[in-house]
């Protein structure tokens, strides 16, 4: 009798749990769609900036808040996001609940925030299709009643409305089809200051885009509370040479009001404070500065191709050192020039890190190798000049 009672109790408990689960699902299904969503099971290390970055591709975020999830496993977080329209929030609930969002590695839960009577937001266009309007949709994600134009294109909704260009932009970002879609501030980033108060991101794009390709979302202008520019901005180029050329060309450019535009390359070393304040970056690859340097130092190129690794590269000055794989394979003239240069350096009281390191300059490196990193395998040729021995024709090994 005890066993039977225990069985009945266990069965009733499971049944009660299942009923409650179904009830929760029914309640959630009956919640009126709103522009506010609750997102659960977010990573414990996610901050508010990361929240915005990962979810703004799905719609226009008006407001968001992040907090530690109650009773969540592994210290996960939850968030509330207010989108610009009910349709954007609805798309998120219908498509992301139980799935992995862009920029994250684990699935999240998404549901509407319980809302009091009232509403609005009907008949607005959706950013990604499904429910009117149109959007850019990744292959295999076309919704009902729409059509795809090619492998990656515009999907027209049931209403046949024309989508906005902002819808297209968000969809392309979300699908990660634009080159350089993921990036961080590095040596290819240019920091601009001294901008007029009416500067917009489009203005910066017009000024800096002639120097080279700019990464998606790679133009930013800091704004005051009244919407006017604070006077500074940042531009993220896709390659190093564009950043250096823009800096060299535009820094200290005098504006019509007599003030100068300040342009420098980004550095994460304390925001440029302390020593070296105001220093310019290295000259551009095609600058006549490098041509003059070669002419002044009487370079004599030696025969042979050798291999080694990048030992060090000073980005801001445009020079570095290569550690050859086999120092003894270098021409005798090159080894003697290195030995003499090192002896002279020691005599001047300077430190010598490694006597086998060979000096090189930025224009002697294949542009495809940038940005240069230590331990990069390379092939190179050598020369001697008035200062010792150097490497040139540096390419990927």
Protein backbone atom coordinates (compact mmCIF):
# COMPACT_ATOMS: atom_id res chain seq x y z
CA UNK A 1 0.00 0.00 0.00
CA UNK A 2 2.89 2.31 0.84
CA UNK A 3 4.53 1.57 -2.53
CA UNK A 4 1.27 2.22 -4.35
CA UNK A 5 0.79 5.50 -2.49
CA UNK A 6 4.35 6.57 -3.30
CA UNK A 7 3.81 5.73 -6.98
CA UNK A 8 0.56 7.68 -7.08
CA UNK A 9 2.19 10.65 -5.33
CA UNK A 10 5.16 10.67 -7.74
CA UNK A 11 2.85 10.35 -10.74
CA UNK A 12 0.66 13.19 -9.43
CA UNK A 13 3.72 15.39 -8.84
CA UNK A 14 4.98 14.84 -12.39
CA UNK A 15 1.50 15.50 -13.75
CA UNK A 16 1.23 18.70 -11.69
CA UNK A 17 4.63 19.86 -12.94
CA UNK A 18 3.64 19.16 -16.55
CA UNK A 19 0.34 21.00 -16.07
CA UNK A 20 2.13 24.02 -14.66
CA UNK A 21 4.57 24.02 -17.58
CA UNK A 22 1.69 23.95 -20.06
CA UNK A 23 -0.07 26.70 -18.10
CA UNK A 24 3.05 28.88 -18.27
CA UNK A 25 3.27 28.33 -22.02
CA UNK A 26 -0.40 29.25 -22.44
CA UNK A 27 0.02 32.38 -20.32
CA UNK A 28 3.09 33.44 -22.34
CA UNK A 29 1.21 32.78 -25.58
CA UNK A 30 -1.66 34.97 -24.37
CA UNK A 31 0.60 37.89 -23.38
CA UNK A 32 -0.14 40.85 -25.60
CA UNK A 33 2.82 41.66 -27.88
CA UNK A 34 4.61 44.84 -26.86
CA UNK A 35 7.78 46.71 -27.70
CA UNK A 36 9.39 45.46 -24.45
CA UNK A 37 11.03 42.01 -24.28
CA UNK A 38 12.66 40.08 -21.45
CA UNK A 39 15.78 38.13 -22.42
CA UNK A 40 17.09 35.40 -20.12
CA UNK A 41 20.08 33.03 -19.94
CA UNK A 42 22.53 35.74 -21.00
CA UNK A 43 26.27 35.18 -20.28
CA UNK A 44 27.45 36.22 -16.81
CA UNK A 45 30.23 38.42 -18.26
CA UNK A 46 27.93 40.40 -20.58
CA UNK A 47 27.77 44.15 -19.86
CA UNK A 48 25.24 46.74 -21.05
CA UNK A 49 27.42 47.86 -23.95
CA UNK A 50 27.76 44.25 -25.09
CA UNK A 51 23.99 43.83 -24.78
CA UNK A 52 23.40 46.78 -27.08
CA UNK A 53 26.06 45.69 -29.54
CA UNK A 54 24.68 42.14 -29.86
CA UNK A 55 20.99 43.04 -30.12
CA UNK A 56 20.91 46.36 -31.98
CA UNK A 57 21.24 44.47 -35.27
CA UNK A 58 17.73 43.09 -34.66
CA UNK A 59 16.09 46.49 -34.30
CA UNK A 60 16.35 50.02 -32.94
CA UNK A 61 16.97 49.90 -29.18
CA UNK A 62 15.37 52.80 -27.31
CA UNK A 63 16.25 51.61 -23.80
CA UNK A 64 17.74 48.55 -22.10
CA UNK A 65 18.58 47.27 -18.63
CA UNK A 66 20.72 44.32 -17.51
CA UNK A 67 20.59 42.46 -14.19
CA UNK A 68 21.66 39.20 -12.54
CA UNK A 69 19.10 36.49 -13.25
CA UNK A 70 17.27 35.18 -10.18
CA UNK A 71 17.83 31.48 -9.60
CA UNK A 72 19.72 31.12 -12.88
CA UNK A 73 22.37 28.47 -13.28
CA UNK A 74 26.00 29.48 -13.74
CA UNK A 75 25.36 33.10 -12.71
CA UNK A 76 23.63 34.01 -15.98
CA UNK A 77 22.01 37.40 -16.50
CA UNK A 78 18.68 38.70 -17.75
CA UNK A 79 17.79 41.90 -19.56
CA UNK A 80 14.87 44.03 -20.65
CA UNK A 81 14.99 45.83 -23.99
CA UNK A 82 12.57 48.40 -25.37
CA UNK A 83 12.55 48.39 -29.17
CA UNK A 84 11.31 51.17 -31.42
CA UNK A 85 8.32 49.10 -32.58
CA UNK A 86 6.18 46.14 -31.54
CA UNK A 87 7.07 44.38 -34.79
CA UNK A 88 10.80 44.43 -34.00
CA UNK A 89 10.13 42.95 -30.56
CA UNK A 90 7.75 40.35 -32.03
CA UNK A 91 10.35 39.22 -34.54
CA UNK A 92 12.82 38.72 -31.69
CA UNK A 93 10.38 36.63 -29.62
CA UNK A 94 9.31 34.48 -32.57
CA UNK A 95 12.79 33.86 -33.96
CA UNK A 96 15.34 34.09 -31.12
CA UNK A 97 13.61 32.35 -28.23
CA UNK A 98 15.63 29.17 -27.63
CA UNK A 99 18.21 30.15 -30.27
CA UNK A 100 21.71 31.65 -30.18
CA UNK A 101 21.85 35.41 -30.99
CA UNK A 102 24.63 37.02 -33.00
CA UNK A 103 27.77 37.56 -30.95
CA UNK A 104 26.84 35.02 -28.27
CA UNK A 105 27.64 31.32 -27.94
CA UNK A 106 24.64 29.98 -26.02
CA UNK A 107 20.88 30.02 -26.53
CA UNK A 108 18.71 32.60 -24.78
CA UNK A 109 15.06 32.83 -23.80
CA UNK A 110 12.99 35.73 -25.15
CA UNK A 111 9.46 36.70 -24.16
CA UNK A 112 7.27 39.77 -24.08
CA UNK A 113 7.12 41.89 -20.94
CA UNK A 114 3.68 41.66 -19.41
CA UNK A 115 1.84 44.78 -20.51
CA UNK A 116 -1.25 46.54 -19.29
CA UNK A 117 -4.22 47.15 -21.57
CA UNK A 118 -3.58 49.45 -24.47
CA UNK A 119 -0.97 49.22 -27.12
CA UNK A 120 -0.34 50.46 -30.54
CA UNK A 121 2.34 49.91 -33.04
CA UNK A 122 0.01 48.11 -35.46
CA UNK A 123 0.67 48.03 -39.19
CA UNK A 124 4.29 49.10 -38.85
CA UNK A 125 6.94 47.59 -41.06
CA UNK A 126 9.09 44.76 -39.74
CA UNK A 127 12.88 44.97 -40.14
CA UNK A 128 13.31 41.36 -41.24
CA UNK A 129 10.04 40.34 -42.84
CA UNK A 130 7.14 38.37 -41.39
CA UNK A 131 4.23 40.67 -40.59
CA UNK A 132 4.50 43.36 -43.20
CA UNK A 133 7.31 45.47 -44.58
CA UNK A 134 10.49 43.83 -45.65
CA UNK A 135 13.99 43.11 -44.55
CA UNK A 136 17.26 41.55 -45.55
CA UNK A 137 17.12 37.88 -44.67
CA UNK A 138 19.99 35.37 -44.57
CA UNK A 139 19.75 32.31 -46.87
CA UNK A 140 17.31 29.78 -45.48
CA UNK A 141 15.53 32.31 -43.21
CA UNK A 142 12.83 33.56 -45.58
CA UNK A 143 9.46 33.87 -43.86
CA UNK A 144 6.00 33.04 -45.14
CA UNK A 145 4.57 35.16 -47.87
CA UNK A 146 7.90 36.64 -48.89
CA UNK A 147 10.45 36.03 -51.58
CA UNK A 148 14.22 36.06 -51.74
CA UNK A 149 16.11 37.95 -54.40
CA UNK A 150 19.19 35.81 -55.02
CA UNK A 151 21.24 34.11 -52.29
CA UNK A 152 21.15 37.18 -50.05
CA UNK A 153 18.61 39.82 -50.81
CA UNK A 154 15.45 41.69 -49.97
CA UNK A 155 12.38 39.76 -48.86
CA UNK A 156 9.05 41.46 -49.52
CA UNK A 157 6.36 40.99 -46.88
CA UNK A 158 2.69 40.30 -47.40
CA UNK A 159 1.83 44.00 -47.44
CA UNK A 160 4.16 44.71 -50.34
CA UNK A 161 5.58 47.79 -48.58
CA UNK A 162 8.98 49.03 -49.67
CA UNK A 163 11.56 48.58 -46.92
CA UNK A 164 13.76 51.41 -45.66
CA UNK A 165 17.50 51.52 -46.26
CA UNK A 166 17.95 51.22 -42.49
CA UNK A 167 16.20 47.83 -42.69
CA UNK A 168 18.69 46.74 -45.34
CA UNK A 169 21.64 47.97 -43.25
CA UNK A 170 20.51 46.16 -40.11
CA UNK A 171 19.87 42.97 -42.04
CA UNK A 172 23.30 42.97 -43.64
CA UNK A 173 24.97 43.53 -40.26
CA UNK A 174 22.86 40.80 -38.69
CA UNK A 175 23.78 38.33 -41.43
CA UNK A 176 27.52 39.13 -41.17
CA UNK A 177 27.87 39.30 -44.97
CA UNK A 178 29.77 42.61 -44.98
CA UNK A 179 33.58 42.30 -45.00
CA UNK A 180 35.16 43.17 -41.67
CA UNK A 181 31.88 42.79 -39.80
CA UNK A 182 33.63 42.10 -36.49
CA UNK A 183 36.39 44.49 -35.41
CA UNK A 184 37.95 46.34 -32.52
CA UNK A 185 39.88 49.59 -32.21
CA UNK A 186 43.49 48.93 -33.25
CA UNK A 187 46.30 50.48 -35.30
CA UNK A 188 43.88 50.86 -38.24
CA UNK A 189 41.70 53.22 -36.18
CA UNK A 190 41.99 57.00 -36.56
CA UNK A 191 41.00 59.39 -33.74
CA UNK A 192 39.81 62.84 -34.82
CA UNK A 193 39.43 65.91 -32.60
CA UNK A 194 38.70 69.60 -33.11
CA UNK A 195 35.58 68.91 -35.20
CA UNK A 196 32.90 71.63 -35.61
CA UNK A 197 29.71 71.22 -33.52
CA UNK A 198 27.54 70.42 -36.56
CA UNK A 199 29.68 67.41 -37.61
CA UNK A 200 27.78 64.19 -38.39
CA UNK A 201 28.98 60.64 -39.03
CA UNK A 202 28.17 61.15 -42.71
CA UNK A 203 30.52 64.15 -42.76
CA UNK A 204 33.38 62.05 -41.39
CA UNK A 205 32.60 59.34 -43.92
CA UNK A 206 32.82 61.88 -46.76
CA UNK A 207 36.17 63.18 -45.51
CA UNK A 208 37.90 59.88 -44.71
CA UNK A 209 36.48 57.38 -47.22
CA UNK A 210 38.73 58.60 -50.09
CA UNK A 211 41.72 57.26 -48.12
CA UNK A 212 40.43 53.68 -48.19
CA UNK A 213 37.69 51.23 -47.24
CA UNK A 214 36.04 51.80 -43.85
CA UNK A 215 34.68 48.92 -41.77
CA UNK A 216 30.89 48.50 -41.26
CA UNK A 217 29.77 50.90 -38.55
CA UNK A 218 33.34 52.20 -38.41
CA UNK A 219 32.52 55.93 -38.25
CA UNK A 220 31.44 57.45 -34.95
CA UNK A 221 30.97 61.02 -33.70
CA UNK A 222 30.53 61.72 -29.98
CA UNK A 223 27.43 63.77 -29.29
CA UNK A 224 26.30 66.05 -26.46
CA UNK A 225 22.88 65.72 -24.83
CA UNK A 226 21.49 68.35 -27.21
CA UNK A 227 22.58 66.28 -30.23
CA UNK A 228 25.48 68.48 -31.33
CA UNK A 229 28.97 67.04 -31.78
CA UNK A 230 31.38 67.13 -28.84
CA UNK A 231 34.21 67.73 -31.28
CA UNK A 232 35.74 64.26 -31.52
CA UNK A 233 35.18 61.07 -33.49
CA UNK A 234 36.76 57.80 -34.65
CA UNK A 235 37.17 56.08 -38.01
CA UNK A 236 38.01 52.38 -38.41
CA UNK A 237 39.78 51.59 -41.69
CA UNK A 238 40.05 48.08 -43.09
CA UNK A 239 43.80 48.37 -43.70
CA UNK A 240 46.74 50.03 -41.97
CA UNK A 241 48.05 52.08 -44.91
CA UNK A 242 44.75 53.97 -45.23
CA UNK A 243 44.86 54.92 -41.55
CA UNK A 244 48.47 56.11 -41.74
CA UNK A 245 47.90 58.08 -44.96
CA UNK A 246 44.78 59.78 -43.55
CA UNK A 247 46.67 60.72 -40.39
CA UNK A 248 49.67 62.07 -42.27
CA UNK A 249 47.50 64.07 -44.67
CA UNK A 250 44.86 65.55 -42.36
CA UNK A 251 46.62 66.10 -39.04
CA UNK A 252 47.06 69.83 -38.29
CA UNK A 253 44.91 70.75 -41.29
CA UNK A 254 43.78 74.36 -40.71
CA UNK A 255 40.03 74.96 -40.95
CA UNK A 256 38.44 78.22 -42.23
CA UNK A 257 37.94 79.50 -38.66
CA UNK A 258 41.69 79.23 -37.98
CA UNK A 259 41.51 76.16 -35.74
CA UNK A 260 43.38 72.98 -36.65
CA UNK A 261 41.98 69.50 -37.09
CA UNK A 262 43.85 66.93 -34.99
CA UNK A 263 44.14 63.41 -36.39
CA UNK A 264 46.12 60.58 -34.80
CA UNK A 265 46.18 56.81 -34.85
CA UNK A 266 44.50 54.99 -32.00
CA UNK A 267 46.61 53.67 -29.12
CA UNK A 268 45.37 51.72 -26.12
CA UNK A 269 48.31 52.84 -23.99
CA UNK A 270 46.42 55.07 -21.57
CA UNK A 271 44.73 57.17 -24.22
CA UNK A 272 47.95 58.82 -25.36
CA UNK A 273 48.79 60.46 -22.03
CA UNK A 274 52.34 60.93 -20.75
CA UNK A 275 55.46 60.74 -22.86
CA UNK A 276 55.24 61.00 -26.61
CA UNK A 277 52.26 63.36 -26.53
CA UNK A 278 51.63 64.87 -29.94
CA UNK A 279 53.92 62.50 -31.85
CA UNK A 280 52.89 61.60 -35.36
CA UNK A 281 52.65 58.03 -36.55
CA UNK A 282 55.04 56.49 -39.05
CA UNK A 283 55.06 57.88 -42.59
CA UNK A 284 52.78 56.27 -45.18
CA UNK A 285 54.13 53.40 -47.26
CA UNK A 286 54.39 55.52 -50.41
CA UNK A 287 55.74 58.60 -48.65
CA UNK A 288 58.85 60.28 -50.09
CA UNK A 289 60.23 60.17 -46.55
CA UNK A 290 61.30 56.53 -47.05
CA UNK A 291 62.80 57.25 -50.49
CA UNK A 292 64.94 60.00 -48.98
CA UNK A 293 66.07 57.69 -46.16
CA UNK A 294 67.31 55.07 -48.65
CA UNK A 295 69.16 57.70 -50.71
CA UNK A 296 70.79 59.24 -47.61
CA UNK A 297 72.09 55.94 -46.25
CA UNK A 298 73.69 54.58 -49.43
CA UNK A 299 72.01 51.16 -49.48
CA UNK A 300 73.84 48.25 -51.17
CA UNK A 301 71.71 45.14 -51.76
CA UNK A 302 73.28 41.66 -51.31
CA UNK A 303 72.33 38.40 -53.02
CA UNK A 304 70.31 35.59 -51.43
CA UNK A 305 66.87 34.94 -49.92
CA UNK A 306 66.62 33.95 -46.26
CA UNK A 307 63.94 32.98 -43.73
CA UNK A 308 63.21 34.03 -40.15
CA UNK A 309 60.50 35.41 -37.87
CA UNK A 310 59.44 38.92 -36.86
CA UNK A 311 61.06 39.50 -33.46
CA UNK A 312 59.64 42.98 -32.85
CA UNK A 313 57.73 45.72 -34.66
CA UNK A 314 57.24 49.30 -33.43
CA UNK A 315 54.04 50.34 -35.16
CA UNK A 316 54.15 54.05 -34.31
CA UNK A 317 57.68 54.43 -35.73
CA UNK A 318 57.39 52.00 -38.63
CA UNK A 319 60.40 49.77 -37.96
CA UNK A 320 61.29 46.46 -36.34
CA UNK A 321 63.63 43.46 -36.24
CA UNK A 322 63.77 40.00 -37.80
CA UNK A 323 65.37 36.98 -36.12
CA UNK A 324 66.97 34.88 -38.92
CA UNK A 325 66.49 31.11 -38.80
CA UNK A 326 70.16 30.55 -39.67
CA UNK A 327 72.39 33.51 -38.89
CA UNK A 328 75.46 31.81 -40.36
CA UNK A 329 73.76 31.50 -43.78
CA UNK A 330 73.76 35.30 -44.19
CA UNK A 331 76.42 36.83 -46.47
CA UNK A 332 79.73 37.52 -44.68
CA UNK A 333 79.40 41.20 -45.52
CA UNK A 334 76.00 41.32 -43.78
CA UNK A 335 77.28 39.51 -40.66
CA UNK A 336 80.26 41.89 -40.39
CA UNK A 337 78.00 44.95 -40.78
CA UNK A 338 75.78 43.64 -37.96
CA UNK A 339 78.77 42.94 -35.74
CA UNK A 340 80.23 46.42 -36.30
CA UNK A 341 76.87 48.11 -35.65
CA UNK A 342 76.36 46.18 -32.41
CA UNK A 343 79.87 47.00 -31.19
CA UNK A 344 79.22 50.69 -31.86
CA UNK A 345 75.87 50.49 -30.01
CA UNK A 346 77.52 48.92 -26.94
CA UNK A 347 80.27 51.55 -27.01
CA UNK A 348 77.56 54.23 -26.81
CA UNK A 349 76.24 52.59 -23.62
CA UNK A 350 73.06 51.26 -25.20
CA UNK A 351 71.54 47.81 -24.62
CA UNK A 352 71.61 45.18 -27.36
CA UNK A 353 68.76 42.66 -27.10
CA UNK A 354 70.13 40.13 -29.63
CA UNK A 355 73.13 40.56 -31.90
CA UNK A 356 71.51 38.41 -34.60
CA UNK A 357 68.44 40.63 -35.03
CA UNK A 358 68.20 42.37 -38.41
CA UNK A 359 66.62 45.82 -38.68
CA UNK A 360 63.80 46.53 -41.18
CA UNK A 361 61.46 49.39 -42.11
CA UNK A 362 57.77 49.45 -42.96
CA UNK A 363 58.14 50.06 -46.76
CA UNK A 364 60.39 46.97 -47.01
CA UNK A 365 57.46 44.74 -45.95
CA UNK A 366 54.79 43.26 -48.22
CA UNK A 367 51.60 45.27 -47.37
CA UNK A 368 49.65 42.00 -47.19
CA UNK A 369 51.54 41.15 -43.98
CA UNK A 370 50.13 44.10 -42.04
CA UNK A 371 49.28 44.32 -39.22
CA UNK A 372 52.60 42.72 -38.28
CA UNK A 373 52.78 40.46 -35.23
CA UNK A 374 55.77 38.92 -33.41
CA UNK A 375 56.72 35.38 -34.47
CA UNK A 376 55.29 35.84 -37.97
CA UNK A 377 57.35 33.60 -40.34
CA UNK A 378 58.87 35.62 -43.18
CA UNK A 379 61.30 35.41 -46.08
CA UNK A 380 63.64 38.34 -46.75
CA UNK A 381 66.72 39.69 -48.51
CA UNK A 382 69.45 41.80 -46.92
CA UNK A 383 71.39 44.99 -47.64
CA UNK A 384 74.18 46.98 -46.02
CA UNK A 385 74.29 50.75 -45.67
CA UNK A 386 76.01 53.48 -43.65
CA UNK A 387 74.37 52.28 -40.43
CA UNK A 388 74.86 48.53 -40.72
CA UNK A 389 72.68 45.74 -42.14
CA UNK A 390 68.94 45.65 -42.86
CA UNK A 391 66.24 43.42 -44.37
CA UNK A 392 64.05 44.18 -47.40
CA UNK A 393 61.59 42.39 -49.73
CA UNK A 394 60.01 40.91 -46.58
CA UNK A 395 57.15 38.56 -47.44
CA UNK A 396 55.17 35.71 -45.93
CA UNK A 397 57.31 32.57 -45.65
